[in-house]
Amino acid sequence: MTLDKKSISILSALQENSRMSVRDIAKETRLRPSTVHQRIVRLQKEGVIEKFTIKVNNEAVGESFIVYMLIKTKPN
């Protein structure tokens, strides 16, 4: 799927804050709320948006570190 400027601007707004309302995204992107809603639904159906998620403050939940791992394997 090729994304146009409108879809990219909607995705950008959602990446900054996935809890933004359709109305707030519409104001930020200067699109009609109905257009924003339809595009979000289409982006979900097309698999561009897989899920909406959160970023947890690790200190607030009692975790003091994060581990990133890269695992490379060789094919048999």
C-alpha atoms as a PDB file:
ATOM      1  CA  MET A   1       0.000   0.000   0.000  1.00  0.00           C
ATOM      2  CA  THR A   2       1.330   3.420  -0.922  1.00  0.00           C
ATOM      3  CA  LEU A   3       0.664   6.071   1.702  1.00  0.00           C
ATOM      4  CA  ASP A   4      -0.246   9.617   0.734  1.00  0.00           C
ATOM      5  CA  LYS A   5       0.561  12.764   2.713  1.00  0.00           C
ATOM      6  CA  LYS A   6      -2.759  12.681   4.586  1.00  0.00           C
ATOM      7  CA  SER A   7      -2.266   9.117   5.815  1.00  0.00           C
ATOM      8  CA  ILE A   8       1.338   9.828   6.762  1.00  0.00           C
ATOM      9  CA  SER A   9       0.280  12.871   8.786  1.00  0.00           C
ATOM     10  CA  ILE A  10      -2.363  10.803  10.605  1.00  0.00           C
ATOM     11  CA  LEU A  11       0.180   8.077  11.352  1.00  0.00           C
ATOM     12  CA  SER A  12       2.661  10.662  12.590  1.00  0.00           C
ATOM     13  CA  ALA A  13       0.102  12.100  15.006  1.00  0.00           C
ATOM     14  CA  LEU A  14      -0.776   8.629  16.283  1.00  0.00           C
ATOM     15  CA  GLN A  15       2.894   7.742  16.756  1.00  0.00           C
ATOM     16  CA  GLU A  16       3.327  10.806  18.954  1.00  0.00           C
ATOM     17  CA  ASN A  17       0.224  10.036  21.011  1.00  0.00           C
ATOM     18  CA  SER A  18      -1.899   6.992  20.206  1.00  0.00           C
ATOM     19  CA  ARG A  19      -4.571   8.227  22.630  1.00  0.00           C
ATOM     20  CA  MET A  20      -5.326  11.322  20.541  1.00  0.00           C
ATOM     21  CA  SER A  21      -8.959  11.661  19.665  1.00  0.00           C
ATOM     22  CA  VAL A  22     -10.066  11.701  16.045  1.00  0.00           C
ATOM     23  CA  ARG A  23     -11.137  15.314  16.546  1.00  0.00           C
ATOM     24  CA  ASP A  24      -7.669  16.331  17.822  1.00  0.00           C
ATOM     25  CA  ILE A  25      -5.952  14.522  14.948  1.00  0.00           C
ATOM     26  CA  ALA A  26      -8.300  16.289  12.538  1.00  0.00           C
ATOM     27  CA  LYS A  27      -7.351  19.675  13.991  1.00  0.00           C
ATOM     28  CA  GLU A  28      -3.637  18.884  13.830  1.00  0.00           C
ATOM     29  CA  THR A  29      -3.751  17.527  10.274  1.00  0.00           C
ATOM     30  CA  ARG A  30      -6.385  19.994   9.003  1.00  0.00           C
ATOM     31  CA  LEU A  31      -8.639  17.171   7.824  1.00  0.00           C
ATOM     32  CA  ARG A  32     -12.289  16.510   8.555  1.00  0.00           C
ATOM     33  CA  PRO A  33     -12.893  14.171  11.529  1.00  0.00           C
ATOM     34  CA  SER A  34     -14.864  11.786   9.296  1.00  0.00           C
ATOM     35  CA  THR A  35     -11.905  11.590   6.901  1.00  0.00           C
ATOM     36  CA  VAL A  36      -9.491  10.875   9.763  1.00  0.00           C
ATOM     37  CA  HIS A  37     -11.756   8.149  11.136  1.00  0.00           C
ATOM     38  CA  GLN A  38     -12.201   6.482   7.735  1.00  0.00           C
ATOM     39  CA  ARG A  39      -8.465   6.537   7.076  1.00  0.00           C
ATOM     40  CA  ILE A  40      -7.619   5.067  10.493  1.00  0.00           C
ATOM     41  CA  VAL A  41     -10.102   2.241   9.912  1.00  0.00           C
ATOM     42  CA  ARG A  42      -8.654   1.619   6.433  1.00  0.00           C
ATOM     43  CA  LEU A  43      -5.066   1.696   7.747  1.00  0.00           C
ATOM     44  CA  GLN A  44      -6.032  -0.923  10.333  1.00  0.00           C
ATOM     45  CA  LYS A  45      -7.759  -3.149   7.752  1.00  0.00           C
ATOM     46  CA  GLU A  46      -4.760  -2.880   5.392  1.00  0.00           C
ATOM     47  CA  GLY A  47      -2.378  -3.876   8.190  1.00  0.00           C
ATOM     48  CA  VAL A  48      -0.496  -0.575   8.276  1.00  0.00           C
ATOM     49  CA  ILE A  49      -1.652  -0.050  11.881  1.00  0.00           C
ATOM     50  CA  GLU A  50      -1.186  -3.353  13.680  1.00  0.00           C
ATOM     51  CA  LYS A  51      -2.167  -2.261  17.184  1.00  0.00           C
ATOM     52  CA  PHE A  52      -2.314   0.659  19.567  1.00  0.00           C
ATOM     53  CA  THR A  53       0.010   0.305  22.546  1.00  0.00           C
ATOM     54  CA  ILE A  54       1.534   2.138  25.494  1.00  0.00           C
ATOM     55  CA  LYS A  55       5.004   2.958  26.752  1.00  0.00           C
ATOM     56  CA  VAL A  56       5.300   2.297  30.473  1.00  0.00           C
ATOM     57  CA  ASN A  57       7.446   4.406  32.798  1.00  0.00           C
ATOM     58  CA  ASN A  58       9.750   1.684  34.129  1.00  0.00           C
ATOM     59  CA  GLU A  59      10.549   3.462  37.380  1.00  0.00           C
ATOM     60  CA  ALA A  60       6.849   3.947  38.126  1.00  0.00           C
ATOM     61  CA  VAL A  61       6.219   0.191  37.893  1.00  0.00           C
ATOM     62  CA  GLY A  62       9.316  -0.768  39.877  1.00  0.00           C
ATOM     63  CA  GLU A  63      11.591  -1.836  37.045  1.00  0.00           C
ATOM     64  CA  SER A  64      15.016  -0.231  37.072  1.00  0.00           C
ATOM     65  CA  PHE A  65      16.499  -1.405  33.781  1.00  0.00           C
ATOM     66  CA  ILE A  66      15.710  -2.448  30.232  1.00  0.00           C
ATOM     67  CA  VAL A  67      17.519  -5.139  28.278  1.00  0.00           C
ATOM     68  CA  TYR A  68      17.735  -5.097  24.491  1.00  0.00           C
ATOM     69  CA  MET A  69      18.946  -8.301  22.877  1.00  0.00           C
ATOM     70  CA  LEU A  70      19.982  -9.057  19.335  1.00  0.00           C
ATOM     71  CA  ILE A  71      20.088 -12.732  18.484  1.00  0.00           C
ATOM     72  CA  LYS A  72      21.503 -13.892  15.177  1.00  0.00           C
ATOM     73  CA  THR A  73      21.222 -17.477  14.053  1.00  0.00           C
ATOM     74  CA  LYS A  74      22.708 -19.328  11.150  1.00  0.00           C
ATOM     75  CA  PRO A  75      20.442 -21.411   8.942  1.00  0.00           C
ATOM     76  CA  ASN A  76      21.021 -25.188   9.137  1.00  0.00           C
END
